[in-house]
Amino acid sequence: MRANGIVIAIDGPAGVGKSTVGKLVAGRVGYSFISTGKMYRALAWKALETGISLEDDEGLVGLAASLKWEFPKGSGPEADVSLDGLRPGLELTGERVSRASSAIARLTGVRLFMRGMQREAGIAGGVVMEGRDIGTNVFPDAELKVYLDASPQARAERRSGQLRAQGVAVNHAEILDFIIKRDAQDSGRKNNPLKKAEDARYLDSTIMPREKVVDAIVELFNSFTAGR
């Protein structure tokens, strides 16, 4: 048993709602929540700010290593990402940063650097961590693994709604096209491709209300911990 509890790993494709579900699960079970996607977006944002090529794996790793990464407690269960004392917020939510994050996530060195930080952040347990390869690569020994899925069309609708809520003009066709291409990229990359871990529970949230998804994961958590 880990010092602070277990690791709950939530994997799945882009736009499926892993962060929202993960935060709600963490709040229900009294764990902290870590979004690995936010780590990649933070590095992508910094790379765009400094002008480093998104294809320069060595340069990006050097940039990441030069930064002081901290994960201070936020207002809820989610840990913030702090770079050199600065906590980027809305800067990480735009489509430019999202696409840059997708580009750097393909790179071997970047993924190795991130995996090291992610393991260090969650090794003691008591954490819900979401990403693309948490149950297969970062924490293959996670006690509870969930693969959360939804159709590309449903995910495009959700992303469009998020952007509209932020006052951003939306091109739904472009968002759907990006999601489909991102799925192919994430599943087809050589380095830690997106896939369901053999021992992960599969949940399809295409028509499943968010509350039911959260309930299902909390029930899995309760069943696991009751048997310990």
C-alpha atoms as a PDB file:
ATOM      1  CA  MET A   1       0.000   0.000   0.000  1.00  0.00           C
ATOM      2  CA  ARG A   2       1.279   3.469  -0.876  1.00  0.00           C
ATOM      3  CA  ALA A   3       1.721   6.052   1.868  1.00  0.00           C
ATOM      4  CA  ASN A   4      -1.318   8.169   0.949  1.00  0.00           C
ATOM      5  CA  GLY A   5      -3.676   5.704  -0.711  1.00  0.00           C
ATOM      6  CA  ILE A   6      -3.906   4.357  -4.251  1.00  0.00           C
ATOM      7  CA  VAL A   7      -3.302   5.757  -7.726  1.00  0.00           C
ATOM      8  CA  ILE A   8      -6.415   6.170  -9.873  1.00  0.00           C
ATOM      9  CA  ALA A   9      -5.311   6.394 -13.523  1.00  0.00           C
ATOM     10  CA  ILE A  10      -7.787   7.826 -16.046  1.00  0.00           C
ATOM     11  CA  ASP A  11      -6.762   7.535 -19.681  1.00  0.00           C
ATOM     12  CA  GLY A  12      -8.599   8.324 -22.875  1.00  0.00           C
ATOM     13  CA  PRO A  13      -8.594  10.402 -26.048  1.00  0.00           C
ATOM     14  CA  ALA A  14      -8.622  14.186 -26.340  1.00  0.00           C
ATOM     15  CA  GLY A  15     -11.774  16.005 -25.311  1.00  0.00           C
ATOM     16  CA  VAL A  16     -13.421  13.102 -23.529  1.00  0.00           C
ATOM     17  CA  GLY A  17     -13.743  14.946 -20.226  1.00  0.00           C
ATOM     18  CA  LYS A  18     -10.983  13.251 -18.256  1.00  0.00           C
ATOM     19  CA  SER A  19     -10.055  16.413 -16.360  1.00  0.00           C
ATOM     20  CA  THR A  20     -13.604  17.275 -15.336  1.00  0.00           C
ATOM     21  CA  VAL A  21     -14.358  13.706 -14.303  1.00  0.00           C
ATOM     22  CA  GLY A  22     -11.000  13.334 -12.570  1.00  0.00           C
ATOM     23  CA  LYS A  23     -11.504  16.470 -10.478  1.00  0.00           C
ATOM     24  CA  LEU A  24     -14.978  15.350  -9.429  1.00  0.00           C
ATOM     25  CA  VAL A  25     -13.744  11.866  -8.518  1.00  0.00           C
ATOM     26  CA  ALA A  26     -10.848  13.314  -6.535  1.00  0.00           C
ATOM     27  CA  GLY A  27     -13.213  15.574  -4.630  1.00  0.00           C
ATOM     28  CA  ARG A  28     -15.517  12.660  -3.823  1.00  0.00           C
ATOM     29  CA  VAL A  29     -12.787  10.362  -2.500  1.00  0.00           C
ATOM     30  CA  GLY A  30     -10.623  13.034  -0.842  1.00  0.00           C
ATOM     31  CA  TYR A  31      -7.663  12.691  -3.224  1.00  0.00           C
ATOM     32  CA  SER A  32      -5.641  15.266  -5.133  1.00  0.00           C
ATOM     33  CA  PHE A  33      -6.049  15.555  -8.899  1.00  0.00           C
ATOM     34  CA  ILE A  34      -3.231  15.955 -11.416  1.00  0.00           C
ATOM     35  CA  SER A  35      -3.806  16.725 -15.084  1.00  0.00           C
ATOM     36  CA  THR A  36      -0.808  15.577 -17.091  1.00  0.00           C
ATOM     37  CA  GLY A  37      -2.280  17.343 -20.100  1.00  0.00           C
ATOM     38  CA  LYS A  38      -1.837  20.618 -18.254  1.00  0.00           C
ATOM     39  CA  MET A  39       1.871  19.816 -17.856  1.00  0.00           C
ATOM     40  CA  TYR A  40       2.272  19.379 -21.615  1.00  0.00           C
ATOM     41  CA  ARG A  41       0.264  22.536 -22.303  1.00  0.00           C
ATOM     42  CA  ALA A  42       2.413  24.482 -19.837  1.00  0.00           C
ATOM     43  CA  LEU A  43       5.594  23.427 -21.623  1.00  0.00           C
ATOM     44  CA  ALA A  44       4.036  24.118 -25.022  1.00  0.00           C
ATOM     45  CA  TRP A  45       2.994  27.593 -23.867  1.00  0.00           C
ATOM     46  CA  LYS A  46       6.514  28.303 -22.619  1.00  0.00           C
ATOM     47  CA  ALA A  47       8.001  27.046 -25.890  1.00  0.00           C
ATOM     48  CA  LEU A  48       5.726  29.357 -27.878  1.00  0.00           C
ATOM     49  CA  GLU A  49       6.690  32.245 -25.603  1.00  0.00           C
ATOM     50  CA  THR A  50      10.415  31.616 -26.021  1.00  0.00           C
ATOM     51  CA  GLY A  51      10.354  30.709 -29.705  1.00  0.00           C
ATOM     52  CA  ILE A  52      11.745  27.178 -29.392  1.00  0.00           C
ATOM     53  CA  SER A  53      10.753  24.934 -32.276  1.00  0.00           C
ATOM     54  CA  LEU A  54       8.007  22.459 -31.426  1.00  0.00           C
ATOM     55  CA  GLU A  55      10.038  19.816 -33.279  1.00  0.00           C
ATOM     56  CA  ASP A  56      13.247  20.389 -31.290  1.00  0.00           C
ATOM     57  CA  ASP A  57      13.074  17.537 -28.778  1.00  0.00           C
ATOM     58  CA  GLU A  58      16.460  18.296 -27.211  1.00  0.00           C
ATOM     59  CA  GLY A  59      15.719  22.001 -26.992  1.00  0.00           C
ATOM     60  CA  LEU A  60      12.332  21.397 -25.411  1.00  0.00           C
ATOM     61  CA  VAL A  61      13.789  19.033 -22.827  1.00  0.00           C
ATOM     62  CA  GLY A  62      16.443  21.626 -22.057  1.00  0.00           C
ATOM     63  CA  LEU A  63      13.721  24.245 -21.629  1.00  0.00           C
ATOM     64  CA  ALA A  64      11.697  21.947 -19.364  1.00  0.00           C
ATOM     65  CA  ALA A  65      14.746  21.136 -17.253  1.00  0.00           C
ATOM     66  CA  SER A  66      15.601  24.831 -16.873  1.00  0.00           C
ATOM     67  CA  LEU A  67      12.215  25.633 -15.360  1.00  0.00           C
ATOM     68  CA  LYS A  68      11.258  25.347 -11.719  1.00  0.00           C
ATOM     69  CA  TRP A  69       8.200  23.087 -11.797  1.00  0.00           C
ATOM     70  CA  GLU A  70       5.889  23.124  -8.801  1.00  0.00           C
ATOM     71  CA  PHE A  71       2.410  21.730  -8.264  1.00  0.00           C
ATOM     72  CA  PRO A  72       0.849  23.852  -5.537  1.00  0.00           C
ATOM     73  CA  LYS A  73      -2.597  23.131  -4.163  1.00  0.00           C
ATOM     74  CA  GLY A  74      -5.339  24.940  -6.031  1.00  0.00           C
ATOM     75  CA  SER A  75      -8.759  26.061  -4.847  1.00  0.00           C
ATOM     76  CA  GLY A  76     -10.142  22.528  -5.153  1.00  0.00           C
ATOM     77  CA  PRO A  77      -8.659  19.036  -5.457  1.00  0.00           C
ATOM     78  CA  GLU A  78      -6.676  19.915  -8.591  1.00  0.00           C
ATOM     79  CA  ALA A  79      -3.013  20.804  -8.244  1.00  0.00           C
ATOM     80  CA  ASP A  80      -1.948  23.897 -10.178  1.00  0.00           C
ATOM     81  CA  VAL A  81       1.106  23.979 -12.432  1.00  0.00           C
ATOM     82  CA  SER A  82       3.662  26.634 -11.555  1.00  0.00           C
ATOM     83  CA  LEU A  83       6.608  27.512 -13.795  1.00  0.00           C
ATOM     84  CA  ASP A  84       9.288  29.624 -12.133  1.00  0.00           C
ATOM     85  CA  GLY A  85       6.698  30.832  -9.650  1.00  0.00           C
ATOM     86  CA  LEU A  86       4.116  31.766 -12.300  1.00  0.00           C
ATOM     87  CA  ARG A  87       0.796  29.897 -12.481  1.00  0.00           C
ATOM     88  CA  PRO A  88      -0.502  30.147 -16.067  1.00  0.00           C
ATOM     89  CA  GLY A  89      -4.278  29.942 -16.259  1.00  0.00           C
ATOM     90  CA  LEU A  90      -6.326  30.872 -19.311  1.00  0.00           C
ATOM     91  CA  GLU A  91      -3.078  31.002 -21.295  1.00  0.00           C
ATOM     92  CA  LEU A  92      -3.196  27.201 -21.413  1.00  0.00           C
ATOM     93  CA  THR A  93      -6.758  26.846 -22.697  1.00  0.00           C
ATOM     94  CA  GLY A  94      -6.507  28.276 -26.224  1.00  0.00           C
ATOM     95  CA  GLU A  95      -6.429  26.230 -29.410  1.00  0.00           C
ATOM     96  CA  ARG A  96      -2.902  27.465 -30.302  1.00  0.00           C
ATOM     97  CA  VAL A  97      -1.471  26.015 -27.100  1.00  0.00           C
ATOM     98  CA  SER A  98      -3.609  22.870 -27.449  1.00  0.00           C
ATOM     99  CA  ARG A  99      -2.206  22.187 -30.911  1.00  0.00           C
ATOM    100  CA  ALA A 100       1.342  22.954 -29.770  1.00  0.00           C
ATOM    101  CA  SER A 101       0.870  20.564 -26.863  1.00  0.00           C
ATOM    102  CA  SER A 102      -0.234  17.861 -29.298  1.00  0.00           C
ATOM    103  CA  ALA A 103       2.935  18.435 -31.342  1.00  0.00           C
ATOM    104  CA  ILE A 104       5.408  18.176 -28.463  1.00  0.00           C
ATOM    105  CA  ALA A 105       3.638  15.175 -26.925  1.00  0.00           C
ATOM    106  CA  ARG A 106       4.951  13.065 -29.814  1.00  0.00           C
ATOM    107  CA  LEU A 107       8.577  13.597 -28.826  1.00  0.00           C
ATOM    108  CA  THR A 108      10.503  10.883 -26.977  1.00  0.00           C
ATOM    109  CA  GLY A 109      12.619  13.130 -24.776  1.00  0.00           C
ATOM    110  CA  VAL A 110       9.687  15.303 -23.750  1.00  0.00           C
ATOM    111  CA  ARG A 111       7.618  12.258 -22.798  1.00  0.00           C
ATOM    112  CA  LEU A 112      10.460  10.791 -20.731  1.00  0.00           C
ATOM    113  CA  PHE A 113      10.916  14.082 -18.889  1.00  0.00           C
ATOM    114  CA  MET A 114       7.199  14.342 -18.189  1.00  0.00           C
ATOM    115  CA  ARG A 115       6.939  10.734 -17.075  1.00  0.00           C
ATOM    116  CA  GLY A 116       9.612  11.327 -14.453  1.00  0.00           C
ATOM    117  CA  MET A 117       7.766  14.333 -13.044  1.00  0.00           C
ATOM    118  CA  GLN A 118       4.428  12.564 -13.143  1.00  0.00           C
ATOM    119  CA  ARG A 119       5.719   9.510 -11.300  1.00  0.00           C
ATOM    120  CA  GLU A 120       7.341  11.677  -8.656  1.00  0.00           C
ATOM    121  CA  ALA A 121       4.103  13.626  -8.195  1.00  0.00           C
ATOM    122  CA  GLY A 122       1.948  10.538  -7.737  1.00  0.00           C
ATOM    123  CA  ILE A 123       4.174   7.774  -6.383  1.00  0.00           C
ATOM    124  CA  ALA A 124       2.884   8.138  -2.802  1.00  0.00           C
ATOM    125  CA  GLY A 125      -0.706   7.599  -3.941  1.00  0.00           C
ATOM    126  CA  GLY A 126      -3.791   9.455  -2.846  1.00  0.00           C
ATOM    127  CA  VAL A 127      -4.023  10.855  -6.361  1.00  0.00           C
ATOM    128  CA  VAL A 128      -6.246  10.818  -9.419  1.00  0.00           C
ATOM    129  CA  MET A 129      -4.099  11.326 -12.526  1.00  0.00           C
ATOM    130  CA  GLU A 130      -5.404  11.701 -16.060  1.00  0.00           C
ATOM    131  CA  GLY A 131      -3.648  11.542 -19.403  1.00  0.00           C
ATOM    132  CA  ARG A 132      -3.079   9.354 -22.449  1.00  0.00           C
ATOM    133  CA  ASP A 133      -0.662   6.772 -21.035  1.00  0.00           C
ATOM    134  CA  ILE A 134      -1.001   6.859 -17.248  1.00  0.00           C
ATOM    135  CA  GLY A 135      -2.122   3.254 -16.890  1.00  0.00           C
ATOM    136  CA  THR A 136       0.192   1.909 -19.588  1.00  0.00           C
ATOM    137  CA  ASN A 137       3.393   3.886 -19.075  1.00  0.00           C
ATOM    138  CA  VAL A 138       3.455   6.328 -16.162  1.00  0.00           C
ATOM    139  CA  PHE A 139       1.772   4.091 -13.591  1.00  0.00           C
ATOM    140  CA  PRO A 140       1.403   0.593 -15.057  1.00  0.00           C
ATOM    141  CA  ASP A 141       1.132  -0.479 -11.402  1.00  0.00           C
ATOM    142  CA  ALA A 142      -1.815   1.844 -10.679  1.00  0.00           C
ATOM    143  CA  GLU A 143      -4.313   0.119  -8.438  1.00  0.00           C
ATOM    144  CA  LEU A 144      -7.343   1.419 -10.353  1.00  0.00           C
ATOM    145  CA  LYS A 145      -7.279   2.108 -14.091  1.00  0.00           C
ATOM    146  CA  VAL A 146     -10.101   3.581 -16.148  1.00  0.00           C
ATOM    147  CA  TYR A 147     -10.227   4.129 -19.900  1.00  0.00           C
ATOM    148  CA  LEU A 148     -12.760   6.863 -20.616  1.00  0.00           C
ATOM    149  CA  ASP A 149     -14.026   7.101 -24.184  1.00  0.00           C
ATOM    150  CA  ALA A 150     -16.641   8.942 -26.270  1.00  0.00           C
ATOM    151  CA  SER A 151     -17.367   9.380 -29.958  1.00  0.00           C
ATOM    152  CA  PRO A 152     -15.432  12.094 -31.831  1.00  0.00           C
ATOM    153  CA  GLN A 153     -18.720  13.862 -32.571  1.00  0.00           C
ATOM    154  CA  ALA A 154     -19.671  14.029 -28.883  1.00  0.00           C
ATOM    155  CA  ARG A 155     -16.211  15.285 -27.942  1.00  0.00           C
ATOM    156  CA  ALA A 156     -16.314  17.988 -30.638  1.00  0.00           C
ATOM    157  CA  GLU A 157     -19.673  19.180 -29.319  1.00  0.00           C
ATOM    158  CA  ARG A 158     -18.289  19.407 -25.773  1.00  0.00           C
ATOM    159  CA  ARG A 159     -15.176  21.284 -26.871  1.00  0.00           C
ATOM    160  CA  SER A 160     -17.243  23.711 -28.926  1.00  0.00           C
ATOM    161  CA  GLY A 161     -19.429  24.351 -25.890  1.00  0.00           C
ATOM    162  CA  GLN A 162     -16.397  25.030 -23.696  1.00  0.00           C
ATOM    163  CA  LEU A 163     -15.000  27.566 -26.162  1.00  0.00           C
ATOM    164  CA  ARG A 164     -18.349  29.307 -26.612  1.00  0.00           C
ATOM    165  CA  ALA A 165     -18.612  29.620 -22.836  1.00  0.00           C
ATOM    166  CA  GLN A 166     -15.257  31.435 -22.907  1.00  0.00           C
ATOM    167  CA  GLY A 167     -16.526  33.816 -25.592  1.00  0.00           C
ATOM    168  CA  VAL A 168     -14.372  32.231 -28.315  1.00  0.00           C
ATOM    169  CA  ALA A 169     -15.648  31.957 -31.893  1.00  0.00           C
ATOM    170  CA  VAL A 170     -16.120  28.301 -32.806  1.00  0.00           C
ATOM    171  CA  ASN A 171     -15.643  26.404 -36.064  1.00  0.00           C
ATOM    172  CA  HIS A 172     -17.192  23.053 -35.222  1.00  0.00           C
ATOM    173  CA  ALA A 173     -15.977  21.305 -38.387  1.00  0.00           C
ATOM    174  CA  GLU A 174     -12.377  22.300 -37.654  1.00  0.00           C
ATOM    175  CA  ILE A 175     -12.636  21.086 -34.069  1.00  0.00           C
ATOM    176  CA  LEU A 176     -14.059  17.727 -35.163  1.00  0.00           C
ATOM    177  CA  ASP A 177     -11.327  17.361 -37.800  1.00  0.00           C
ATOM    178  CA  PHE A 178      -8.649  18.179 -35.203  1.00  0.00           C
ATOM    179  CA  ILE A 179     -10.045  15.594 -32.769  1.00  0.00           C
ATOM    180  CA  ILE A 180     -10.117  12.867 -35.421  1.00  0.00           C
ATOM    181  CA  LYS A 181      -6.537  13.657 -36.463  1.00  0.00           C
ATOM    182  CA  ARG A 182      -5.419  13.851 -32.812  1.00  0.00           C
ATOM    183  CA  ASP A 183      -6.908  10.407 -32.154  1.00  0.00           C
ATOM    184  CA  ALA A 184      -4.969   8.948 -35.090  1.00  0.00           C
ATOM    185  CA  GLN A 185      -1.774  10.671 -33.948  1.00  0.00           C
ATOM    186  CA  ASP A 186      -2.092   9.623 -30.311  1.00  0.00           C
ATOM    187  CA  SER A 187      -2.961   6.016 -31.151  1.00  0.00           C
ATOM    188  CA  GLY A 188      -0.362   5.712 -33.900  1.00  0.00           C
ATOM    189  CA  ARG A 189       2.698   7.310 -32.337  1.00  0.00           C
ATOM    190  CA  LYS A 190       5.700   5.096 -31.598  1.00  0.00           C
ATOM    191  CA  ASN A 191       6.288   6.485 -28.114  1.00  0.00           C
ATOM    192  CA  ASN A 192       3.680   5.346 -25.594  1.00  0.00           C
ATOM    193  CA  PRO A 193       0.642   5.386 -27.891  1.00  0.00           C
ATOM    194  CA  LEU A 194      -2.837   5.936 -26.548  1.00  0.00           C
ATOM    195  CA  LYS A 195      -4.400   2.567 -25.782  1.00  0.00           C
ATOM    196  CA  LYS A 196      -6.469   0.889 -23.128  1.00  0.00           C
ATOM    197  CA  ALA A 197      -4.429  -0.947 -20.496  1.00  0.00           C
ATOM    198  CA  GLU A 198      -5.351  -4.614 -20.361  1.00  0.00           C
ATOM    199  CA  ASP A 199      -6.564  -4.301 -16.768  1.00  0.00           C
ATOM    200  CA  ALA A 200      -8.395  -0.972 -17.212  1.00  0.00           C
ATOM    201  CA  ARG A 201     -12.167  -0.602 -16.888  1.00  0.00           C
ATOM    202  CA  TYR A 202     -13.735   0.792 -20.077  1.00  0.00           C
ATOM    203  CA  LEU A 203     -16.372   3.531 -19.779  1.00  0.00           C
ATOM    204  CA  ASP A 204     -18.100   5.031 -22.828  1.00  0.00           C
ATOM    205  CA  SER A 205     -19.389   8.507 -21.977  1.00  0.00           C
ATOM    206  CA  THR A 206     -20.900   9.318 -25.381  1.00  0.00           C
ATOM    207  CA  ILE A 207     -24.417   9.352 -23.952  1.00  0.00           C
ATOM    208  CA  MET A 208     -23.548   8.657 -20.315  1.00  0.00           C
ATOM    209  CA  PRO A 209     -24.143  11.681 -18.064  1.00  0.00           C
ATOM    210  CA  ARG A 210     -21.023  13.011 -16.364  1.00  0.00           C
ATOM    211  CA  GLU A 211     -22.466  12.295 -12.912  1.00  0.00           C
ATOM    212  CA  LYS A 212     -22.964   8.641 -13.829  1.00  0.00           C
ATOM    213  CA  VAL A 213     -19.353   8.384 -15.028  1.00  0.00           C
ATOM    214  CA  VAL A 214     -18.131   9.836 -11.729  1.00  0.00           C
ATOM    215  CA  ASP A 215     -20.435   7.516  -9.770  1.00  0.00           C
ATOM    216  CA  ALA A 216     -19.087   4.500 -11.659  1.00  0.00           C
ATOM    217  CA  ILE A 217     -15.459   5.352 -10.908  1.00  0.00           C
ATOM    218  CA  VAL A 218     -16.171   6.126  -7.243  1.00  0.00           C
ATOM    219  CA  GLU A 219     -17.974   2.782  -6.982  1.00  0.00           C
ATOM    220  CA  LEU A 220     -14.899   1.027  -8.416  1.00  0.00           C
ATOM    221  CA  PHE A 221     -12.736   2.892  -5.890  1.00  0.00           C
ATOM    222  CA  ASN A 222     -14.990   1.918  -2.990  1.00  0.00           C
ATOM    223  CA  SER A 223     -15.044  -1.710  -4.086  1.00  0.00           C
ATOM    224  CA  PHE A 224     -11.257  -1.798  -4.304  1.00  0.00           C
ATOM    225  CA  THR A 225     -10.587  -0.109  -0.977  1.00  0.00           C
ATOM    226  CA  ALA A 226     -13.240  -2.171   0.810  1.00  0.00           C
ATOM    227  CA  GLY A 227     -11.345  -5.296  -0.124  1.00  0.00           C
ATOM    228  CA  ARG A 228      -8.021  -4.096   1.265  1.00  0.00           C
END
